[in-house]
Amino acid sequence: MKIKKQPRNIYIIISIAVLMVLSLVSLSILLNNKKSATPVTDDPSTNTVDYAPATKSQQDAGKDQKQQTIDSTKSSDTQNTTTNQSIGVIITSAIQNDKTNTLNIRSLIDTVTNNGECTLTLTNGTKTITKTSDIQASASSSTCKGFDVDIDSELSTGTWHIKLLVTIGNITGQAEQDKVLN
């Protein structure tokens, strides 16, 4: 049994016809939208902006507003230095890496900055280890640049208390947790 093949020309002609119809419809819509647009006029009766120089009373009102803004900024700066502010800090991971035999500690700081310092304190009984690192900003938060503490030379097995203190200017924040090392 032989199957008849449809000529390809019919498919090409139908495709061209559909494209032409779609082009005409698009052109018609485009032209109708242009006709309904409101023209811009330079008619002074519709322009309500006064471009004349400011009057004396307008200048005085502007100076008064500037002074009020300056005064309120100064008072809020004074209030900020006297209040207790803190930074949100989270220890996101404290993992014992068996391949490198290190304790890897990572964090999240709820402000965006490259300034400041992270101080990590690890305590087990009477043994205390302290490390510092800079802060690295990301798009919506920051992080301590990371701590990789060698277990063989600096730590030992047992329960270690981790305290991470973040200082940015005169503002601080901290996070704490315990980690058992094997």
N, C-alpha and C. Protein backbone atom coordinates (compact mmCIF):
# COMPACT_ATOMS: atom_id res chain seq x y z
N MET A 1 0.84 -1.16 0.00
CA MET A 1 0.00 0.00 0.00
C MET A 1 0.90 1.24 0.00
N LYS A 2 0.59 2.14 -0.85
CA LYS A 2 1.39 3.34 -1.02
C LYS A 2 0.65 4.54 -0.45
N ILE A 3 1.38 5.33 0.37
CA ILE A 3 0.79 6.51 1.00
C ILE A 3 1.10 7.71 0.10
N LYS A 4 0.05 8.50 -0.16
CA LYS A 4 0.25 9.68 -1.00
C LYS A 4 0.87 10.80 -0.15
N LYS A 5 1.83 11.44 -0.71
CA LYS A 5 2.46 12.56 -0.03
C LYS A 5 1.78 13.84 -0.46
N GLN A 6 1.49 14.68 0.52
CA GLN A 6 0.91 15.99 0.23
C GLN A 6 2.03 16.88 -0.29
N PRO A 7 1.75 17.66 -1.24
CA PRO A 7 2.81 18.55 -1.74
C PRO A 7 3.20 19.59 -0.68
N ARG A 8 4.47 19.86 -0.62
CA ARG A 8 4.98 20.81 0.35
C ARG A 8 4.53 22.24 0.04
N ASN A 9 4.24 22.50 -1.14
CA ASN A 9 3.86 23.85 -1.55
C ASN A 9 2.62 24.32 -0.80
N ILE A 10 1.69 23.43 -0.51
CA ILE A 10 0.47 23.81 0.19
C ILE A 10 0.81 24.30 1.59
N TYR A 11 1.69 23.63 2.29
CA TYR A 11 2.10 24.04 3.63
C TYR A 11 2.79 25.41 3.61
N ILE A 12 3.61 25.63 2.63
CA ILE A 12 4.31 26.91 2.51
C ILE A 12 3.31 28.04 2.26
N ILE A 13 2.36 27.81 1.35
CA ILE A 13 1.37 28.84 1.02
C ILE A 13 0.50 29.14 2.24
N ILE A 14 0.09 28.13 2.98
CA ILE A 14 -0.74 28.34 4.17
C ILE A 14 0.06 29.12 5.23
N SER A 15 1.32 28.80 5.42
CA SER A 15 2.15 29.51 6.40
C SER A 15 2.31 30.97 6.03
N ILE A 16 2.53 31.25 4.77
CA ILE A 16 2.67 32.64 4.32
C ILE A 16 1.37 33.40 4.53
N ALA A 17 0.24 32.76 4.23
CA ALA A 17 -1.06 33.42 4.41
C ALA A 17 -1.31 33.74 5.88
N VAL A 18 -1.00 32.83 6.78
CA VAL A 18 -1.20 33.06 8.21
C VAL A 18 -0.31 34.21 8.67
N LEU A 19 0.94 34.25 8.24
CA LEU A 19 1.85 35.33 8.61
C LEU A 19 1.34 36.68 8.11
N MET A 20 0.80 36.71 6.91
CA MET A 20 0.28 37.97 6.37
C MET A 20 -0.92 38.46 7.18
N VAL A 21 -1.81 37.54 7.54
CA VAL A 21 -2.99 37.92 8.32
C VAL A 21 -2.54 38.46 9.68
N LEU A 22 -1.62 37.78 10.34
CA LEU A 22 -1.13 38.24 11.64
C LEU A 22 -0.45 39.61 11.52
N SER A 23 0.32 39.83 10.47
CA SER A 23 0.97 41.12 10.26
C SER A 23 -0.06 42.23 10.08
N LEU A 24 -1.09 41.97 9.30
CA LEU A 24 -2.13 42.98 9.09
C LEU A 24 -2.88 43.30 10.38
N VAL A 25 -3.18 42.29 11.19
CA VAL A 25 -3.86 42.52 12.46
C VAL A 25 -2.97 43.35 13.39
N SER A 26 -1.69 43.02 13.47
CA SER A 26 -0.75 43.76 14.33
C SER A 26 -0.63 45.21 13.88
N LEU A 27 -0.53 45.43 12.56
CA LEU A 27 -0.42 46.77 12.03
C LEU A 27 -1.68 47.57 12.33
N SER A 28 -2.83 46.95 12.21
CA SER A 28 -4.09 47.63 12.50
C SER A 28 -4.18 48.05 13.96
N ILE A 29 -3.77 47.17 14.87
CA ILE A 29 -3.79 47.50 16.30
C ILE A 29 -2.82 48.64 16.58
N LEU A 30 -1.66 48.59 16.00
CA LEU A 30 -0.65 49.62 16.21
C LEU A 30 -1.13 50.98 15.73
N LEU A 31 -1.73 51.03 14.55
CA LEU A 31 -2.23 52.30 14.02
C LEU A 31 -3.39 52.84 14.84
N ASN A 32 -4.27 51.99 15.34
CA ASN A 32 -5.39 52.45 16.17
C ASN A 32 -4.89 53.04 17.48
N ASN A 33 -3.84 52.46 18.06
CA ASN A 33 -3.29 52.98 19.32
C ASN A 33 -2.65 54.34 19.11
N LYS A 34 -1.99 54.56 17.97
CA LYS A 34 -1.37 55.85 17.69
C LYS A 34 -2.41 56.94 17.54
N LYS A 35 -3.53 56.63 16.93
CA LYS A 35 -4.57 57.62 16.71
C LYS A 35 -5.21 58.05 18.01
N SER A 36 -5.28 57.16 19.01
CA SER A 36 -5.96 57.49 20.25
C SER A 36 -5.06 58.18 21.28
N ALA A 37 -3.76 58.31 21.00
CA ALA A 37 -2.85 58.95 21.95
C ALA A 37 -3.14 60.44 22.02
N THR A 38 -3.00 61.00 23.21
CA THR A 38 -3.24 62.43 23.42
C THR A 38 -1.99 63.20 23.05
N PRO A 39 -2.12 64.17 22.16
CA PRO A 39 -0.93 64.93 21.76
C PRO A 39 -0.47 65.85 22.89
N VAL A 40 0.84 66.12 22.93
CA VAL A 40 1.43 67.02 23.91
C VAL A 40 1.31 68.44 23.37
N THR A 41 0.85 69.34 24.20
CA THR A 41 0.72 70.73 23.76
C THR A 41 1.55 71.63 24.65
N ASP A 42 1.92 72.76 24.10
CA ASP A 42 2.64 73.76 24.87
C ASP A 42 1.71 74.91 25.25
N ASP A 43 0.44 74.61 25.32
CA ASP A 43 -0.56 75.61 25.66
C ASP A 43 -0.34 76.08 27.09
N PRO A 44 -0.10 77.38 27.31
CA PRO A 44 0.16 77.87 28.67
C PRO A 44 -1.01 77.67 29.62
N SER A 45 -2.21 77.54 29.11
CA SER A 45 -3.35 77.36 30.01
C SER A 45 -3.35 75.97 30.67
N THR A 46 -2.70 74.98 30.04
CA THR A 46 -2.64 73.65 30.64
C THR A 46 -1.38 73.45 31.46
N ASN A 47 -0.36 74.29 31.27
CA ASN A 47 0.89 74.19 32.00
C ASN A 47 0.76 74.99 33.29
N THR A 48 0.75 74.30 34.45
CA THR A 48 0.52 74.98 35.72
C THR A 48 1.79 75.18 36.53
N VAL A 49 2.95 74.90 35.97
CA VAL A 49 4.21 75.09 36.69
C VAL A 49 4.64 76.54 36.55
N ASP A 50 4.96 77.16 37.69
CA ASP A 50 5.41 78.54 37.69
C ASP A 50 6.93 78.55 37.64
N TYR A 51 7.46 79.01 36.50
CA TYR A 51 8.91 79.01 36.31
C TYR A 51 9.55 80.36 36.70
N ALA A 52 8.80 81.22 37.29
CA ALA A 52 9.33 82.51 37.72
C ALA A 52 10.26 82.29 38.91
N PRO A 53 11.19 83.22 39.14
CA PRO A 53 12.09 83.09 40.30
C PRO A 53 11.29 83.04 41.60
N ALA A 54 11.85 82.37 42.59
CA ALA A 54 11.18 82.21 43.88
C ALA A 54 11.01 83.57 44.56
N THR A 55 9.87 83.72 45.20
CA THR A 55 9.62 84.96 45.95
C THR A 55 10.40 84.92 47.26
N LYS A 56 10.45 86.06 47.94
CA LYS A 56 11.16 86.14 49.22
C LYS A 56 10.55 85.18 50.25
N SER A 57 9.22 85.10 50.30
CA SER A 57 8.58 84.20 51.28
C SER A 57 8.85 82.73 50.94
N GLN A 58 8.94 82.40 49.64
CA GLN A 58 9.27 81.02 49.26
C GLN A 58 10.71 80.68 49.65
N GLN A 59 11.62 81.62 49.45
CA GLN A 59 13.02 81.40 49.83
C GLN A 59 13.16 81.23 51.34
N ASP A 60 12.44 82.06 52.11
CA ASP A 60 12.49 81.95 53.57
C ASP A 60 11.93 80.60 54.03
N ALA A 61 10.83 80.15 53.40
CA ALA A 61 10.24 78.86 53.76
C ALA A 61 11.21 77.72 53.46
N GLY A 62 11.94 77.82 52.36
CA GLY A 62 12.93 76.81 52.02
C GLY A 62 14.07 76.76 53.02
N LYS A 63 14.54 77.96 53.45
CA LYS A 63 15.62 78.03 54.45
C LYS A 63 15.17 77.44 55.78
N ASP A 64 13.92 77.75 56.16
CA ASP A 64 13.38 77.20 57.42
C ASP A 64 13.32 75.67 57.36
N GLN A 65 12.88 75.13 56.23
CA GLN A 65 12.78 73.67 56.07
C GLN A 65 14.16 73.01 56.14
N LYS A 66 15.15 73.63 55.51
CA LYS A 66 16.51 73.11 55.57
C LYS A 66 17.02 73.06 57.01
N GLN A 67 16.77 74.15 57.75
CA GLN A 67 17.25 74.21 59.13
C GLN A 67 16.56 73.16 59.99
N GLN A 68 15.25 72.94 59.79
CA GLN A 68 14.53 71.92 60.54
C GLN A 68 15.11 70.53 60.24
N THR A 69 15.44 70.27 58.98
CA THR A 69 16.02 68.97 58.60
C THR A 69 17.39 68.79 59.27
N ILE A 70 18.20 69.84 59.26
CA ILE A 70 19.53 69.76 59.89
C ILE A 70 19.38 69.52 61.39
N ASP A 71 18.48 70.26 62.04
CA ASP A 71 18.28 70.11 63.48
C ASP A 71 17.78 68.71 63.85
N SER A 72 16.85 68.17 63.06
CA SER A 72 16.32 66.83 63.38
C SER A 72 17.38 65.76 63.15
N THR A 73 18.24 65.94 62.14
CA THR A 73 19.33 64.98 61.89
C THR A 73 20.32 65.00 63.04
N LYS A 74 20.66 66.20 63.53
CA LYS A 74 21.60 66.29 64.65
C LYS A 74 21.04 65.64 65.90
N SER A 75 19.76 65.85 66.17
CA SER A 75 19.17 65.26 67.38
C SER A 75 19.07 63.75 67.26
N SER A 76 18.79 63.22 66.05
CA SER A 76 18.71 61.76 65.92
C SER A 76 20.09 61.13 66.00
N ASP A 77 21.15 61.85 65.53
CA ASP A 77 22.51 61.35 65.68
C ASP A 77 22.90 61.27 67.15
N THR A 78 22.53 62.26 67.93
CA THR A 78 22.82 62.27 69.36
C THR A 78 22.09 61.13 70.05
N GLN A 79 20.85 60.89 69.66
CA GLN A 79 20.09 59.80 70.26
C GLN A 79 20.71 58.46 69.93
N ASN A 80 21.21 58.27 68.70
CA ASN A 80 21.78 56.99 68.29
C ASN A 80 23.04 56.65 69.08
N THR A 81 23.81 57.64 69.46
CA THR A 81 25.03 57.32 70.20
C THR A 81 24.75 56.96 71.65
N THR A 82 23.58 57.34 72.16
CA THR A 82 23.29 57.05 73.56
C THR A 82 22.45 55.78 73.73
N THR A 83 21.91 55.23 72.65
CA THR A 83 21.08 54.03 72.78
C THR A 83 21.93 52.79 72.57
N ASN A 84 21.49 51.68 73.12
CA ASN A 84 22.16 50.40 72.92
C ASN A 84 21.70 49.82 71.59
N GLN A 85 22.60 49.71 70.67
CA GLN A 85 22.29 49.10 69.39
C GLN A 85 23.03 47.78 69.30
N SER A 86 22.45 46.85 68.58
CA SER A 86 23.14 45.58 68.40
C SER A 86 22.97 45.11 66.97
N ILE A 87 23.84 44.24 66.58
CA ILE A 87 23.86 43.66 65.24
C ILE A 87 23.38 42.22 65.37
N GLY A 88 22.52 41.79 64.48
CA GLY A 88 22.09 40.40 64.47
C GLY A 88 23.19 39.51 63.90
N VAL A 89 23.58 38.50 64.64
CA VAL A 89 24.65 37.58 64.23
C VAL A 89 24.16 36.16 64.41
N ILE A 90 24.41 35.30 63.42
CA ILE A 90 24.04 33.88 63.49
C ILE A 90 25.26 33.06 63.08
N ILE A 91 25.53 32.01 63.84
CA ILE A 91 26.53 31.03 63.40
C ILE A 91 25.78 30.06 62.49
N THR A 92 26.07 30.12 61.20
CA THR A 92 25.33 29.29 60.25
C THR A 92 25.85 27.87 60.17
N SER A 93 27.13 27.68 60.46
CA SER A 93 27.64 26.31 60.51
C SER A 93 28.91 26.24 61.35
N ALA A 94 29.04 25.13 62.06
CA ALA A 94 30.24 24.80 62.82
C ALA A 94 30.47 23.32 62.56
N ILE A 95 31.27 23.03 61.54
CA ILE A 95 31.41 21.67 61.03
C ILE A 95 32.83 21.17 61.24
N GLN A 96 32.93 19.94 61.72
CA GLN A 96 34.23 19.29 61.83
C GLN A 96 34.52 18.65 60.48
N ASN A 97 35.54 19.15 59.79
CA ASN A 97 35.93 18.64 58.49
C ASN A 97 36.98 17.55 58.70
N ASP A 98 36.57 16.30 58.48
CA ASP A 98 37.47 15.17 58.74
C ASP A 98 38.60 15.08 57.71
N LYS A 99 38.40 15.58 56.50
CA LYS A 99 39.45 15.52 55.48
C LYS A 99 40.61 16.44 55.81
N THR A 100 40.30 17.66 56.26
CA THR A 100 41.36 18.62 56.60
C THR A 100 41.63 18.68 58.09
N ASN A 101 40.84 17.96 58.88
CA ASN A 101 40.92 17.94 60.33
C ASN A 101 40.88 19.35 60.92
N THR A 102 39.87 20.11 60.43
CA THR A 102 39.65 21.47 60.91
C THR A 102 38.20 21.63 61.36
N LEU A 103 37.99 22.64 62.20
CA LEU A 103 36.64 23.06 62.57
C LEU A 103 36.34 24.30 61.73
N ASN A 104 35.36 24.19 60.83
CA ASN A 104 34.99 25.28 59.94
C ASN A 104 33.77 26.00 60.51
N ILE A 105 33.93 27.29 60.77
CA ILE A 105 32.85 28.08 61.36
C ILE A 105 32.49 29.20 60.39
N ARG A 106 31.19 29.31 60.06
CA ARG A 106 30.67 30.33 59.16
C ARG A 106 29.54 31.09 59.85
N SER A 107 29.28 32.32 59.37
CA SER A 107 28.32 33.17 60.06
C SER A 107 27.51 34.01 59.09
N LEU A 108 26.48 34.66 59.63
CA LEU A 108 25.64 35.59 58.88
C LEU A 108 25.42 36.82 59.76
N ILE A 109 25.66 37.99 59.20
CA ILE A 109 25.49 39.26 59.91
C ILE A 109 24.38 40.02 59.20
N ASP A 110 23.41 40.54 59.96
CA ASP A 110 22.21 41.11 59.33
C ASP A 110 22.34 42.56 58.87
N THR A 111 23.55 42.98 58.51
CA THR A 111 23.75 44.30 57.92
C THR A 111 24.76 44.16 56.79
N VAL A 112 24.74 45.10 55.87
CA VAL A 112 25.66 45.05 54.73
C VAL A 112 26.82 46.01 55.00
N THR A 113 28.01 45.45 55.18
CA THR A 113 29.20 46.27 55.42
C THR A 113 30.46 45.46 55.15
N ASN A 114 31.53 46.18 54.82
CA ASN A 114 32.87 45.58 54.73
C ASN A 114 33.73 46.03 55.90
N ASN A 115 33.19 46.88 56.75
CA ASN A 115 33.93 47.42 57.89
C ASN A 115 33.63 46.61 59.13
N GLY A 116 34.57 46.58 60.03
CA GLY A 116 34.36 45.90 61.30
C GLY A 116 35.23 44.67 61.44
N GLU A 117 34.96 43.94 62.54
CA GLU A 117 35.80 42.79 62.86
C GLU A 117 34.97 41.70 63.52
N CYS A 118 35.33 40.47 63.22
CA CYS A 118 34.74 39.30 63.88
C CYS A 118 35.79 38.70 64.81
N THR A 119 35.37 38.42 66.04
CA THR A 119 36.27 37.79 67.02
C THR A 119 35.64 36.47 67.45
N LEU A 120 36.35 35.39 67.18
CA LEU A 120 35.90 34.05 67.53
C LEU A 120 36.64 33.60 68.78
N THR A 121 35.88 33.16 69.78
CA THR A 121 36.49 32.62 70.99
C THR A 121 35.98 31.20 71.19
N LEU A 122 36.91 30.25 71.27
CA LEU A 122 36.60 28.84 71.51
C LEU A 122 37.10 28.48 72.91
N THR A 123 36.21 27.89 73.71
CA THR A 123 36.57 27.56 75.09
C THR A 123 36.22 26.11 75.40
N ASN A 124 37.19 25.40 76.01
CA ASN A 124 36.98 24.03 76.49
C ASN A 124 37.69 23.95 77.84
N GLY A 125 36.89 24.01 78.91
CA GLY A 125 37.50 24.01 80.25
C GLY A 125 38.31 25.26 80.46
N THR A 126 39.61 25.09 80.70
CA THR A 126 40.48 26.24 80.92
C THR A 126 41.19 26.68 79.65
N LYS A 127 41.06 25.91 78.59
CA LYS A 127 41.74 26.25 77.33
C LYS A 127 40.85 27.20 76.51
N THR A 128 41.44 28.33 76.07
CA THR A 128 40.71 29.32 75.27
C THR A 128 41.55 29.69 74.05
N ILE A 129 40.88 29.70 72.89
CA ILE A 129 41.54 30.09 71.64
C ILE A 129 40.74 31.25 71.06
N THR A 130 41.45 32.29 70.62
CA THR A 130 40.79 33.47 70.04
C THR A 130 41.35 33.73 68.64
N LYS A 131 40.46 33.98 67.70
CA LYS A 131 40.84 34.29 66.31
C LYS A 131 40.03 35.49 65.86
N THR A 132 40.55 36.24 64.91
CA THR A 132 39.81 37.37 64.35
C THR A 132 39.79 37.28 62.83
N SER A 133 38.79 37.91 62.23
CA SER A 133 38.73 38.00 60.78
C SER A 133 37.98 39.27 60.40
N ASP A 134 38.13 39.66 59.15
CA ASP A 134 37.42 40.81 58.62
C ASP A 134 36.00 40.42 58.26
N ILE A 135 35.21 41.40 57.88
CA ILE A 135 33.83 41.19 57.46
C ILE A 135 33.76 41.32 55.94
N GLN A 136 32.99 40.45 55.33
CA GLN A 136 32.79 40.46 53.88
C GLN A 136 31.31 40.75 53.59
N ALA A 137 31.02 41.79 52.81
CA ALA A 137 29.64 42.14 52.48
C ALA A 137 29.14 41.30 51.31
N SER A 138 27.85 41.00 51.32
CA SER A 138 27.18 40.41 50.16
C SER A 138 26.00 41.31 49.82
N ALA A 139 25.09 40.85 49.00
CA ALA A 139 24.02 41.71 48.51
C ALA A 139 23.09 42.21 49.62
N SER A 140 22.68 41.34 50.52
CA SER A 140 21.69 41.76 51.52
C SER A 140 22.13 41.49 52.95
N SER A 141 23.34 41.03 53.15
CA SER A 141 23.85 40.77 54.49
C SER A 141 25.38 40.76 54.40
N SER A 142 26.01 40.38 55.48
CA SER A 142 27.48 40.25 55.50
C SER A 142 27.83 38.96 56.20
N THR A 143 29.11 38.63 56.20
CA THR A 143 29.59 37.43 56.87
C THR A 143 31.02 37.67 57.35
N CYS A 144 31.39 36.95 58.39
CA CYS A 144 32.80 36.93 58.75
C CYS A 144 33.51 36.16 57.64
N LYS A 145 34.74 36.53 57.34
CA LYS A 145 35.43 35.89 56.21
C LYS A 145 35.71 34.41 56.46
N GLY A 146 35.37 33.92 57.63
CA GLY A 146 35.46 32.49 57.87
C GLY A 146 36.59 32.12 58.80
N PHE A 147 36.34 31.05 59.54
CA PHE A 147 37.33 30.54 60.48
C PHE A 147 37.51 29.05 60.22
N ASP A 148 38.75 28.64 59.98
CA ASP A 148 39.11 27.24 59.82
C ASP A 148 40.19 26.96 60.87
N VAL A 149 39.77 26.34 61.98
CA VAL A 149 40.67 26.14 63.12
C VAL A 149 41.18 24.69 63.08
N ASP A 150 42.49 24.55 63.10
CA ASP A 150 43.11 23.22 63.04
C ASP A 150 42.86 22.46 64.35
N ILE A 151 42.29 21.28 64.22
CA ILE A 151 41.94 20.49 65.41
C ILE A 151 43.19 19.89 66.05
N ASP A 152 44.12 19.38 65.24
CA ASP A 152 45.31 18.73 65.78
C ASP A 152 46.19 19.69 66.59
N SER A 153 46.45 20.87 66.04
CA SER A 153 47.41 21.75 66.70
C SER A 153 46.77 22.75 67.67
N GLU A 154 45.47 23.06 67.49
CA GLU A 154 44.88 24.10 68.34
C GLU A 154 43.75 23.60 69.24
N LEU A 155 43.02 22.60 68.79
CA LEU A 155 41.88 22.12 69.56
C LEU A 155 42.14 20.69 70.03
N SER A 156 41.16 20.13 70.69
CA SER A 156 41.22 18.73 71.09
C SER A 156 39.79 18.19 71.08
N THR A 157 39.65 16.89 71.28
CA THR A 157 38.31 16.33 71.33
C THR A 157 37.59 16.84 72.57
N GLY A 158 36.27 16.80 72.50
CA GLY A 158 35.47 17.27 73.62
C GLY A 158 34.49 18.34 73.19
N THR A 159 33.82 18.93 74.15
CA THR A 159 32.82 19.95 73.87
C THR A 159 33.46 21.33 73.94
N TRP A 160 33.34 22.08 72.85
CA TRP A 160 33.89 23.43 72.76
C TRP A 160 32.73 24.43 72.72
N HIS A 161 32.87 25.48 73.50
CA HIS A 161 31.88 26.57 73.46
C HIS A 161 32.38 27.60 72.45
N ILE A 162 31.53 27.90 71.45
CA ILE A 162 31.89 28.84 70.39
C ILE A 162 31.17 30.16 70.68
N LYS A 163 31.93 31.24 70.71
CA LYS A 163 31.35 32.58 70.87
C LYS A 163 31.90 33.44 69.74
N LEU A 164 30.98 34.02 68.96
CA LEU A 164 31.36 34.88 67.85
C LEU A 164 30.87 36.29 68.14
N LEU A 165 31.80 37.22 68.28
CA LEU A 165 31.49 38.62 68.57
C LEU A 165 31.79 39.44 67.32
N VAL A 166 30.80 40.21 66.85
CA VAL A 166 30.97 41.07 65.67
C VAL A 166 30.93 42.52 66.16
N THR A 167 31.93 43.30 65.74
CA THR A 167 32.01 44.70 66.12
C THR A 167 32.12 45.55 64.86
N ILE A 168 31.15 46.47 64.72
CA ILE A 168 31.17 47.43 63.61
C ILE A 168 31.06 48.81 64.25
N GLY A 169 32.16 49.52 64.28
CA GLY A 169 32.18 50.81 64.97
C GLY A 169 31.95 50.59 66.45
N ASN A 170 30.91 51.26 67.01
CA ASN A 170 30.61 51.07 68.43
C ASN A 170 29.38 50.17 68.62
N ILE A 171 29.01 49.45 67.59
CA ILE A 171 27.86 48.54 67.65
C ILE A 171 28.38 47.10 67.63
N THR A 172 27.79 46.24 68.48
CA THR A 172 28.24 44.85 68.54
C THR A 172 27.05 43.90 68.45
N GLY A 173 27.37 42.67 68.18
CA GLY A 173 26.40 41.58 68.20
C GLY A 173 27.17 40.29 68.39
N GLN A 174 26.48 39.27 68.93
CA GLN A 174 27.20 38.02 69.14
C GLN A 174 26.27 36.83 69.00
N ALA A 175 26.89 35.68 68.76
CA ALA A 175 26.18 34.40 68.70
C ALA A 175 27.04 33.38 69.42
N GLU A 176 26.37 32.40 70.02
CA GLU A 176 27.09 31.36 70.76
C GLU A 176 26.46 30.01 70.50
N GLN A 177 27.27 28.96 70.55
CA GLN A 177 26.77 27.59 70.51
C GLN A 177 27.88 26.65 70.94
N ASP A 178 27.50 25.41 71.26
CA ASP A 178 28.48 24.39 71.64
C ASP A 178 28.67 23.42 70.48
N LYS A 179 29.89 22.87 70.38
CA LYS A 179 30.22 21.90 69.34
C LYS A 179 31.06 20.79 69.94
N VAL A 180 30.64 19.55 69.71
CA VAL A 180 31.37 18.39 70.19
C VAL A 180 32.33 17.94 69.08
N LEU A 181 33.62 17.86 69.38
CA LEU A 181 34.63 17.39 68.44
C LEU A 181 35.02 15.97 68.80
N ASN A 182 35.11 15.13 67.78
CA ASN A 182 35.46 13.72 67.98
C ASN A 182 36.92 13.47 67.63
